[in-house]
Amino acid sequence: MKKTLTFVFAAFILVSCDKKMDETVPSSNVVSTSKNVEDLNKLIIPMQQQEPLKLTDAELTYFDDLKSAQVIGLGEATHGSKEFFQMKHRLFKYFVEHFNHKIFAFEMDFSEALIFDDYLQTGKGDIVQLMKDKMYFWTWNTSEVKDLLVWMKDYNIGKPEKDRLHIYGVDCQTFKYNVPELIKRVSAIDPKMGQDITNLLTDLASDKFEGKKANILVVNSLIKNNKTNLIAQSSPIAYDFIEHIADIIVQTETVVADNNAATSYTNRDLFMGENAVWLKKHSDFPMSVWAHNAHVKNADSDNANDRAMGYYINNKLQGGYMTVGFSFAKGSVTAVDTEKNGLGYYNFLDNTVVGYSNELLSQAKTTNFFYKPSVVYRNTNLREYFTKTPFYQIGAVFYSSAAAQAKVSFSPLSEANFNYMIHINKTQNSENYWLK
């Protein structure tokens, strides 16, 4: 471990991507065998370049089945791995240049993302300082995300609006930026209404969550009841943004006020799916979504609590959604330690993935590779192995001891979860600005 920072803000925010991993999974006697390894080796595509950003377009043609998707979900098996972030950067670049993607939707709040979209459009400001000052969560506050944003900004130079790239947010975890943004936009059209909203939502601008539900609903109704007037004094798209931000504030109150972690997580995924679809409806181009594996996965379930953002996107788009998931077996990660509750760089224990399907993946003939679950699962033995063996991943929380990890059970990978998987056998921790 290189450096540790004591970390005290809302634990819910940090563990949320772990909640859907915490499911009871029947114990399995299925084990990795040499035959499984032999069969797997026949079905994977080795990465010719071990550094994701150096992958050639020729290699990435393997992902061309994704071209038909309206939305592509790009996952990650941790919230703090350099190679996952760089791989998503490289894939998005390929999607921009070959699939005509224009939007990268992030697991961050809508108005927070607007701050960074302004940087993409104008190039103004020091992006590192902007990230340090304005990014709400440590997870994306990294040099890898900075490199992506700089590439997107440079891509936009000299291009007309229709060809420009944008970053938007689909999450709903904080009032910090959405409330001031709503007030600013309404006040520019109707100063009196802007002042009324300011009076109703004063505390929320500083992220004081409690006791404002009634005021939030009043604001939402006030905006929608004055839709005609607001459009007449601005434009339909200006109004749409105002209404969307007002709706996200309602979503946020629903999520943060819920003391039941399971339903709070479920509602958050539902809202993230709705927000992603809202973005897609406002763009004539396909788009990418950046979030954790647990959010982007596509799987139907009779139990609504098992559904993730990816399910809701796919359901609304009637099949226009495809996904890329990630896995690893060892290395280091940026995360919050379960023992010390501290943000830092941590090394995985040598036996971390023993008993998980990651163990089989780690025994492949090549360290880093691509594969399609739909192809691998056609093999009867591999299907049995992957569908009965838990799959290891973490969100923002690092299990710093075997005892801590033993308290959590993990679901197997379903064939429906991901159209493609990318395995990076040994990951490095992301380079986090909070730790510099």
Protein backbone atom coordinates (compact mmCIF):
# COMPACT_ATOMS: atom_id res chain seq x y z
CA MET A 1 0.00 0.00 0.00
CA LYS A 2 1.45 3.34 -1.02
CA LYS A 3 -0.68 5.84 0.83
CA THR A 4 -3.84 5.90 2.94
CA LEU A 5 -6.34 8.69 3.51
CA THR A 6 -8.90 8.56 6.30
CA PHE A 7 -12.28 8.46 4.68
CA VAL A 8 -15.46 9.44 6.49
CA PHE A 9 -18.24 10.55 4.12
CA ALA A 10 -21.41 8.60 3.40
CA ALA A 11 -20.62 4.90 3.42
CA PHE A 12 -23.74 4.21 1.39
CA ILE A 13 -22.21 5.98 -1.59
CA LEU A 14 -19.13 3.81 -1.47
CA VAL A 15 -20.57 0.39 -0.88
CA SER A 16 -23.56 0.79 -3.16
CA CYS A 17 -21.94 -1.07 -6.03
CA ASP A 18 -21.27 -3.99 -3.68
CA LYS A 19 -24.85 -4.45 -2.55
CA LYS A 20 -26.02 -6.59 -5.45
CA MET A 21 -22.98 -8.82 -5.07
CA ASP A 22 -24.12 -9.59 -1.54
CA GLU A 23 -26.52 -12.33 -2.50
CA THR A 24 -26.76 -15.85 -1.20
CA VAL A 25 -25.27 -18.21 -3.76
CA PRO A 26 -25.69 -22.00 -3.43
CA SER A 27 -22.37 -23.65 -2.72
CA SER A 28 -20.94 -25.43 -5.72
CA ASN A 29 -18.71 -28.44 -6.05
CA VAL A 30 -17.82 -27.44 -9.60
CA VAL A 31 -14.07 -26.92 -9.81
CA SER A 32 -11.67 -25.63 -12.40
CA THR A 33 -10.10 -28.49 -14.33
CA SER A 34 -7.33 -28.75 -16.87
CA LYS A 35 -10.01 -29.65 -19.43
CA ASN A 36 -11.84 -26.40 -18.66
CA VAL A 37 -8.63 -24.46 -19.14
CA GLU A 38 -7.94 -26.28 -22.41
CA ASP A 39 -11.45 -25.53 -23.68
CA LEU A 40 -11.30 -21.90 -22.56
CA ASN A 41 -8.00 -21.37 -24.36
CA LYS A 42 -9.68 -22.26 -27.64
CA LEU A 43 -12.35 -19.61 -27.20
CA ILE A 44 -10.52 -16.51 -26.01
CA ILE A 45 -8.85 -13.77 -28.05
CA PRO A 46 -5.46 -12.76 -26.60
CA MET A 47 -4.73 -9.04 -26.37
CA GLN A 48 -1.77 -8.33 -28.61
CA GLN A 49 -0.94 -5.16 -26.68
CA GLN A 50 -0.92 -5.48 -22.90
CA GLU A 51 -1.40 -1.74 -22.43
CA PRO A 52 -5.03 -0.93 -23.31
CA LEU A 53 -4.35 2.49 -24.82
CA LYS A 54 -1.96 0.88 -27.33
CA LEU A 55 -4.55 -1.51 -28.77
CA THR A 56 -4.91 -1.07 -32.53
CA ASP A 57 -8.13 -0.55 -34.42
CA ALA A 58 -7.49 -3.92 -36.09
CA GLU A 59 -7.64 -5.68 -32.71
CA LEU A 60 -10.77 -3.82 -31.69
CA THR A 61 -12.71 -4.99 -34.75
CA TYR A 62 -13.48 -7.97 -32.49
CA PHE A 63 -16.06 -5.70 -30.84
CA ASP A 64 -17.80 -4.72 -34.07
CA ASP A 65 -20.95 -6.64 -33.14
CA LEU A 66 -21.59 -3.72 -30.77
CA LYS A 67 -22.08 -1.34 -33.68
CA SER A 68 -25.80 -2.09 -33.83
CA ALA A 69 -26.39 -1.02 -30.22
CA GLN A 70 -28.01 2.31 -29.39
CA VAL A 71 -26.33 2.25 -25.97
CA ILE A 72 -23.21 0.32 -24.92
CA GLY A 73 -22.62 -0.25 -21.21
CA LEU A 74 -18.93 -0.35 -20.26
CA GLY A 75 -18.43 -1.93 -16.86
CA GLU A 76 -15.56 -2.40 -14.44
CA ALA A 77 -14.85 -5.10 -11.85
CA THR A 78 -13.53 -2.52 -9.36
CA HIS A 79 -13.90 1.22 -8.96
CA GLY A 80 -10.15 1.71 -8.85
CA SER A 81 -8.25 -0.18 -11.58
CA LYS A 82 -6.03 1.64 -14.08
CA GLU A 83 -6.43 -0.88 -16.90
CA PHE A 84 -10.23 -0.94 -16.71
CA PHE A 85 -10.36 2.84 -17.02
CA GLN A 86 -7.83 2.90 -19.85
CA MET A 87 -9.64 0.11 -21.69
CA LYS A 88 -12.90 2.06 -21.53
CA HIS A 89 -11.07 5.12 -22.84
CA ARG A 90 -9.70 3.10 -25.75
CA LEU A 91 -13.05 1.48 -26.55
CA PHE A 92 -14.89 4.81 -26.45
CA LYS A 93 -12.35 6.28 -28.84
CA TYR A 94 -12.98 3.34 -31.18
CA PHE A 95 -16.75 3.75 -30.82
CA VAL A 96 -16.47 7.46 -31.62
CA GLU A 97 -14.37 6.90 -34.71
CA HIS A 98 -16.17 3.81 -36.03
CA PHE A 99 -19.66 3.68 -34.45
CA ASN A 100 -20.34 7.46 -34.36
CA HIS A 101 -20.80 7.67 -30.57
CA LYS A 102 -21.10 11.26 -29.29
CA ILE A 103 -21.97 10.89 -25.60
CA PHE A 104 -20.15 9.23 -22.73
CA ALA A 105 -22.63 8.96 -19.86
CA PHE A 106 -20.94 8.51 -16.48
CA GLU A 107 -21.91 7.11 -13.11
CA MET A 108 -21.94 10.68 -11.76
CA ASP A 109 -24.65 13.23 -11.15
CA PHE A 110 -26.06 15.15 -14.10
CA SER A 111 -25.12 18.69 -13.10
CA GLU A 112 -21.70 17.60 -11.89
CA ALA A 113 -21.01 16.19 -15.36
CA LEU A 114 -22.12 19.49 -16.94
CA ILE A 115 -19.10 21.15 -15.31
CA PHE A 116 -16.79 18.79 -17.18
CA ASP A 117 -18.82 19.00 -20.37
CA ASP A 118 -18.18 22.72 -20.34
CA TYR A 119 -14.45 21.92 -20.29
CA LEU A 120 -14.92 19.60 -23.28
CA GLN A 121 -16.67 22.35 -25.23
CA THR A 122 -14.49 25.34 -24.30
CA GLY A 123 -11.15 23.90 -23.23
CA LYS A 124 -11.10 26.49 -20.45
CA GLY A 125 -9.49 25.75 -17.12
CA ASP A 126 -6.92 23.40 -15.62
CA ILE A 127 -8.60 20.01 -15.88
CA VAL A 128 -6.64 18.48 -12.98
CA GLN A 129 -7.55 21.34 -10.66
CA LEU A 130 -11.13 21.24 -11.92
CA MET A 131 -11.34 17.56 -11.05
CA LYS A 132 -9.81 18.10 -7.62
CA ASP A 133 -12.22 20.95 -6.88
CA LYS A 134 -15.44 19.72 -8.47
CA MET A 135 -15.55 15.92 -8.76
CA TYR A 136 -17.75 14.71 -5.92
CA PHE A 137 -16.45 11.16 -5.54
CA TRP A 138 -12.89 9.86 -5.45
CA THR A 139 -13.66 7.03 -7.87
CA TRP A 140 -13.31 9.04 -11.10
CA ASN A 141 -10.87 11.59 -9.71
CA THR A 142 -7.94 9.94 -11.46
CA SER A 143 -5.28 10.60 -14.05
CA GLU A 144 -6.88 7.92 -16.26
CA VAL A 145 -10.21 9.78 -16.40
CA LYS A 146 -8.31 13.03 -16.90
CA ASP A 147 -6.62 11.53 -19.98
CA LEU A 148 -10.03 10.56 -21.37
CA LEU A 149 -11.46 14.05 -20.80
CA VAL A 150 -8.45 15.69 -22.43
CA TRP A 151 -8.80 13.40 -25.45
CA MET A 152 -12.49 14.27 -25.76
CA LYS A 153 -11.70 17.99 -25.46
CA ASP A 154 -9.02 17.78 -28.13
CA TYR A 155 -11.34 15.80 -30.41
CA ASN A 156 -13.88 18.64 -30.25
CA ILE A 157 -11.49 21.35 -31.41
CA GLY A 158 -12.73 22.90 -34.66
CA LYS A 159 -15.78 20.64 -34.96
CA PRO A 160 -19.37 21.87 -35.35
CA GLU A 161 -21.81 21.13 -32.53
CA LYS A 162 -23.35 18.13 -34.27
CA ASP A 163 -19.97 16.37 -34.30
CA ARG A 164 -18.86 17.25 -30.78
CA LEU A 165 -18.45 14.83 -27.91
CA HIS A 166 -20.24 15.31 -24.58
CA ILE A 167 -20.05 13.92 -21.08
CA TYR A 168 -23.28 13.64 -19.09
CA GLY A 169 -24.23 12.03 -15.79
CA VAL A 170 -26.89 9.41 -15.06
CA ASP A 171 -26.56 9.06 -11.29
CA CYS A 172 -28.65 10.55 -8.47
CA GLN A 173 -26.65 10.54 -5.24
CA THR A 174 -26.15 14.19 -4.30
CA PHE A 175 -27.95 17.54 -4.34
CA LYS A 176 -24.67 19.48 -4.36
CA TYR A 177 -24.67 20.53 -8.01
CA ASN A 178 -28.21 19.78 -9.19
CA VAL A 179 -29.90 22.31 -6.91
CA PRO A 180 -27.69 25.30 -7.86
CA GLU A 181 -27.91 24.30 -11.54
CA LEU A 182 -31.70 24.17 -11.39
CA ILE A 183 -31.88 27.57 -9.69
CA LYS A 184 -29.47 29.10 -12.22
CA ARG A 185 -31.39 27.80 -15.22
CA VAL A 186 -34.83 28.78 -13.92
CA SER A 187 -33.64 32.19 -12.70
CA ALA A 188 -32.27 33.00 -16.16
CA ILE A 189 -35.80 32.56 -17.54
CA ASP A 190 -38.02 33.58 -14.62
CA PRO A 191 -36.18 35.37 -11.77
CA LYS A 192 -39.18 35.27 -9.41
CA MET A 193 -39.62 31.51 -9.84
CA GLY A 194 -35.88 31.11 -9.38
CA GLN A 195 -36.09 32.95 -6.05
CA ASP A 196 -39.07 30.83 -4.97
CA ILE A 197 -37.09 27.67 -5.69
CA THR A 198 -34.07 29.07 -3.85
CA ASN A 199 -36.22 29.65 -0.76
CA LEU A 200 -37.62 26.12 -0.91
CA LEU A 201 -34.32 24.30 -1.47
CA THR A 202 -31.79 26.40 0.42
CA ASP A 203 -30.27 23.62 2.54
CA LEU A 204 -30.10 21.09 -0.29
CA ALA A 205 -27.52 23.18 -2.14
CA SER A 206 -25.08 22.20 0.61
CA ASP A 207 -26.23 18.57 0.63
CA LYS A 208 -28.32 18.68 3.76
CA PHE A 209 -30.61 15.77 2.96
CA GLU A 210 -33.21 15.77 5.69
CA GLY A 211 -36.70 17.19 5.83
CA LYS A 212 -37.12 18.64 2.37
CA LYS A 213 -39.21 16.06 0.53
CA ALA A 214 -42.35 18.22 0.56
CA ASN A 215 -40.38 21.21 -0.75
CA ILE A 216 -38.77 19.10 -3.47
CA LEU A 217 -42.17 17.92 -4.68
CA VAL A 218 -43.52 21.49 -4.62
CA VAL A 219 -40.61 22.62 -6.79
CA ASN A 220 -41.12 19.75 -9.21
CA SER A 221 -44.83 20.58 -9.57
CA LEU A 222 -44.09 24.31 -9.89
CA ILE A 223 -41.82 23.68 -12.86
CA LYS A 224 -44.15 21.24 -14.60
CA ASN A 225 -47.22 23.41 -14.02
CA ASN A 226 -45.39 26.31 -15.67
CA LYS A 227 -44.06 24.31 -18.60
CA THR A 228 -45.82 26.37 -21.26
CA ASN A 229 -44.54 29.68 -19.89
CA LEU A 230 -40.99 28.41 -19.39
CA ILE A 231 -40.84 27.08 -22.95
CA ALA A 232 -42.30 30.32 -24.33
CA GLN A 233 -39.55 32.31 -22.61
CA SER A 234 -36.73 29.92 -23.58
CA SER A 235 -36.97 26.79 -25.75
CA PRO A 236 -38.22 23.20 -25.55
CA ILE A 237 -34.70 21.82 -25.01
CA ALA A 238 -33.94 24.41 -22.30
CA TYR A 239 -37.14 23.37 -20.54
CA ASP A 240 -36.33 19.66 -20.94
CA PHE A 241 -33.02 20.16 -19.11
CA ILE A 242 -34.77 22.06 -16.31
CA GLU A 243 -37.44 19.41 -15.91
CA HIS A 244 -34.84 16.63 -16.01
CA ILE A 245 -32.76 18.22 -13.26
CA ALA A 246 -35.90 18.72 -11.16
CA ASP A 247 -36.75 15.03 -11.63
CA ILE A 248 -33.22 14.00 -10.63
CA ILE A 249 -33.60 15.99 -7.41
CA VAL A 250 -36.72 13.93 -6.66
CA GLN A 251 -34.77 10.76 -7.48
CA THR A 252 -31.96 11.81 -5.17
CA GLU A 253 -34.31 12.39 -2.26
CA THR A 254 -35.84 8.95 -2.85
CA VAL A 255 -32.40 7.30 -2.79
CA VAL A 256 -30.71 9.14 0.08
CA ALA A 257 -33.76 9.15 2.38
CA ASP A 258 -34.27 5.39 2.11
CA ASN A 259 -32.77 3.60 5.11
CA ASN A 260 -33.21 0.22 3.44
CA ALA A 261 -30.00 -0.37 1.48
CA ALA A 262 -31.59 -2.95 -0.84
CA THR A 263 -34.49 -0.77 -2.00
CA SER A 264 -32.29 2.32 -2.14
CA TYR A 265 -29.89 0.48 -4.44
CA THR A 266 -32.74 -0.87 -6.56
CA ASN A 267 -34.29 2.58 -6.96
CA ARG A 268 -30.92 4.05 -7.86
CA ASP A 269 -30.47 1.52 -10.68
CA LEU A 270 -33.99 2.19 -11.92
CA PHE A 271 -33.35 5.94 -11.97
CA MET A 272 -29.94 5.55 -13.62
CA GLY A 273 -31.60 3.49 -16.35
CA GLU A 274 -34.29 6.14 -16.83
CA ASN A 275 -31.67 8.89 -16.97
CA ALA A 276 -29.61 7.03 -19.55
CA VAL A 277 -32.68 6.54 -21.73
CA TRP A 278 -33.52 10.25 -21.34
CA LEU A 279 -30.08 11.09 -22.71
CA LYS A 280 -30.46 8.69 -25.60
CA LYS A 281 -33.80 10.25 -26.55
CA HIS A 282 -32.07 13.63 -26.75
CA SER A 283 -29.38 12.41 -29.12
CA ASP A 284 -29.52 11.18 -32.70
CA PHE A 285 -26.35 9.15 -32.11
CA PRO A 286 -25.48 5.99 -30.19
CA MET A 287 -23.78 6.47 -26.84
CA SER A 288 -21.63 4.76 -24.21
CA VAL A 289 -22.30 4.43 -20.46
CA TRP A 290 -19.50 4.19 -17.88
CA ALA A 291 -20.39 2.40 -14.63
CA HIS A 292 -19.60 -0.66 -12.54
CA ASN A 293 -20.26 -4.19 -13.83
CA ALA A 294 -23.03 -4.44 -11.25
CA HIS A 295 -24.86 -1.50 -12.86
CA VAL A 296 -24.30 -2.09 -16.58
CA LYS A 297 -25.05 -5.82 -16.54
CA ASN A 298 -28.09 -6.83 -18.53
CA ALA A 299 -30.23 -9.47 -16.86
CA ASP A 300 -33.97 -9.90 -16.53
CA SER A 301 -35.40 -11.21 -13.30
CA ASP A 302 -38.80 -11.87 -11.80
CA ASN A 303 -37.46 -10.13 -8.71
CA ALA A 304 -37.26 -6.38 -9.34
CA ASN A 305 -34.59 -6.10 -6.64
CA ASP A 306 -32.21 -8.12 -8.84
CA ARG A 307 -32.50 -5.79 -11.82
CA ALA A 308 -29.68 -3.40 -12.65
CA MET A 309 -29.48 -0.20 -14.69
CA GLY A 310 -28.64 -2.27 -17.78
CA TYR A 311 -31.92 -4.16 -17.55
CA TYR A 312 -33.93 -0.93 -17.46
CA ILE A 313 -32.04 0.55 -20.41
CA ASN A 314 -32.49 -2.59 -22.49
CA ASN A 315 -36.16 -2.87 -21.54
CA LYS A 316 -36.88 0.71 -22.60
CA LEU A 317 -34.86 0.44 -25.81
CA GLN A 318 -36.39 -2.94 -26.70
CA GLY A 319 -33.07 -4.71 -27.16
CA GLY A 320 -30.96 -1.73 -28.23
CA TYR A 321 -28.50 -2.22 -25.39
CA MET A 322 -25.24 -4.21 -25.29
CA THR A 323 -22.57 -4.60 -22.63
CA VAL A 324 -18.87 -5.11 -21.99
CA GLY A 325 -17.81 -6.49 -18.60
CA PHE A 326 -14.41 -6.78 -16.94
CA SER A 327 -12.61 -9.25 -14.68
CA PHE A 328 -9.26 -9.61 -12.94
CA ALA A 329 -7.40 -12.06 -10.69
CA LYS A 330 -4.74 -10.15 -8.77
CA GLY A 331 -2.88 -6.87 -8.44
CA SER A 332 -3.57 -3.58 -6.68
CA VAL A 333 -6.59 -1.30 -6.47
CA THR A 334 -7.72 2.10 -5.23
CA ALA A 335 -10.49 1.50 -2.72
CA VAL A 336 -11.79 2.07 0.79
CA ASP A 337 -10.42 -0.49 3.23
CA THR A 338 -12.99 -2.41 5.31
CA GLU A 339 -10.79 -2.44 8.40
CA LYS A 340 -9.59 1.17 8.55
CA ASN A 341 -12.31 2.85 6.47
CA GLY A 342 -9.48 4.59 4.67
CA LEU A 343 -9.05 5.42 1.01
CA GLY A 344 -5.77 4.06 -0.29
CA TYR A 345 -3.91 1.79 -2.67
CA TYR A 346 -4.24 -1.86 -1.66
CA ASN A 347 -2.85 -5.19 -2.86
CA PHE A 348 -5.14 -8.18 -3.28
CA LEU A 349 -4.26 -11.26 -1.23
CA ASP A 350 -2.67 -14.12 -3.19
CA ASN A 351 -5.68 -16.37 -2.64
CA THR A 352 -8.34 -13.72 -3.31
CA VAL A 353 -9.96 -15.45 -6.32
CA VAL A 354 -9.53 -19.07 -5.24
CA GLY A 355 -12.94 -20.70 -5.57
CA TYR A 356 -14.22 -18.01 -7.94
CA SER A 357 -14.54 -18.22 -11.72
CA ASN A 358 -11.75 -15.62 -11.92
CA GLU A 359 -9.46 -18.47 -10.88
CA LEU A 360 -10.12 -20.33 -14.13
CA LEU A 361 -9.68 -17.13 -16.13
CA SER A 362 -6.30 -16.61 -14.44
CA GLN A 363 -5.10 -19.99 -15.75
CA ALA A 364 -5.63 -19.14 -19.42
CA LYS A 365 -2.72 -19.30 -21.87
CA THR A 366 -2.50 -15.52 -21.98
CA THR A 367 -2.76 -12.99 -19.19
CA ASN A 368 -5.08 -10.48 -20.87
CA PHE A 369 -7.80 -11.44 -23.31
CA PHE A 370 -11.30 -10.91 -24.71
CA TYR A 371 -14.14 -13.38 -25.02
CA LYS A 372 -17.85 -13.57 -25.74
CA PRO A 373 -19.85 -15.35 -23.01
CA SER A 374 -22.34 -16.50 -25.66
CA VAL A 375 -19.50 -18.40 -27.35
CA VAL A 376 -17.81 -19.72 -24.20
CA TYR A 377 -21.10 -20.90 -22.69
CA ARG A 378 -21.83 -23.10 -25.70
CA ASN A 379 -19.28 -25.46 -24.19
CA THR A 380 -21.30 -27.60 -21.78
CA ASN A 381 -18.56 -27.95 -19.17
CA LEU A 382 -17.69 -24.27 -19.21
CA ARG A 383 -21.35 -23.28 -18.99
CA GLU A 384 -21.77 -25.46 -15.91
CA TYR A 385 -18.62 -24.04 -14.37
CA PHE A 386 -19.40 -20.36 -14.95
CA THR A 387 -23.08 -20.59 -14.03
CA LYS A 388 -22.38 -22.42 -10.76
CA THR A 389 -19.18 -20.69 -9.64
CA PRO A 390 -19.28 -17.24 -8.02
CA PHE A 391 -17.57 -14.39 -9.83
CA TYR A 392 -15.34 -12.07 -7.79
CA GLN A 393 -15.48 -8.30 -8.11
CA ILE A 394 -15.54 -5.33 -5.76
CA GLY A 395 -17.05 -1.87 -5.91
CA ALA A 396 -15.47 0.88 -3.86
CA VAL A 397 -14.74 -1.34 -0.85
CA PHE A 398 -11.57 -3.42 -0.43
CA TYR A 399 -11.88 -6.57 1.68
CA SER A 400 -8.58 -6.33 3.52
CA SER A 401 -8.79 -9.72 5.19
CA ALA A 402 -10.05 -13.18 4.36
CA ALA A 403 -12.56 -12.79 7.20
CA ALA A 404 -14.00 -9.63 5.68
CA GLN A 405 -14.30 -11.25 2.24
CA ALA A 406 -15.94 -14.33 3.74
CA LYS A 407 -18.87 -12.22 4.91
CA VAL A 408 -19.84 -11.47 1.31
CA SER A 409 -21.12 -13.93 -1.27
CA PHE A 410 -20.97 -13.28 -5.00
CA SER A 411 -23.26 -14.33 -7.84
CA PRO A 412 -22.02 -16.28 -10.86
CA LEU A 413 -21.76 -14.62 -14.26
CA SER A 414 -24.87 -15.12 -16.34
CA GLU A 415 -24.54 -15.40 -20.09
CA ALA A 416 -27.08 -12.58 -20.38
CA ASN A 417 -25.03 -10.16 -18.26
CA PHE A 418 -22.42 -9.21 -20.86
CA ASN A 419 -22.02 -9.49 -24.62
CA TYR A 420 -18.25 -9.26 -24.21
CA MET A 421 -15.83 -9.79 -21.34
CA ILE A 422 -12.33 -8.37 -20.98
CA HIS A 423 -9.97 -10.11 -18.57
CA ILE A 424 -6.98 -8.20 -17.22
CA ASN A 425 -5.19 -10.76 -15.08
CA LYS A 426 -3.13 -8.35 -12.98
CA THR A 427 -4.49 -4.86 -12.51
CA GLN A 428 -2.81 -1.76 -11.17
CA ASN A 429 -4.50 0.78 -8.93
CA SER A 430 -5.84 3.91 -10.60
CA GLU A 431 -3.78 7.07 -10.00
CA ASN A 432 -6.06 9.00 -7.69
CA TYR A 433 -5.80 12.75 -7.17
CA TRP A 434 -7.22 12.48 -3.65
CA LEU A 435 -4.13 10.48 -2.71
CA LYS A 436 -1.54 12.89 -4.15
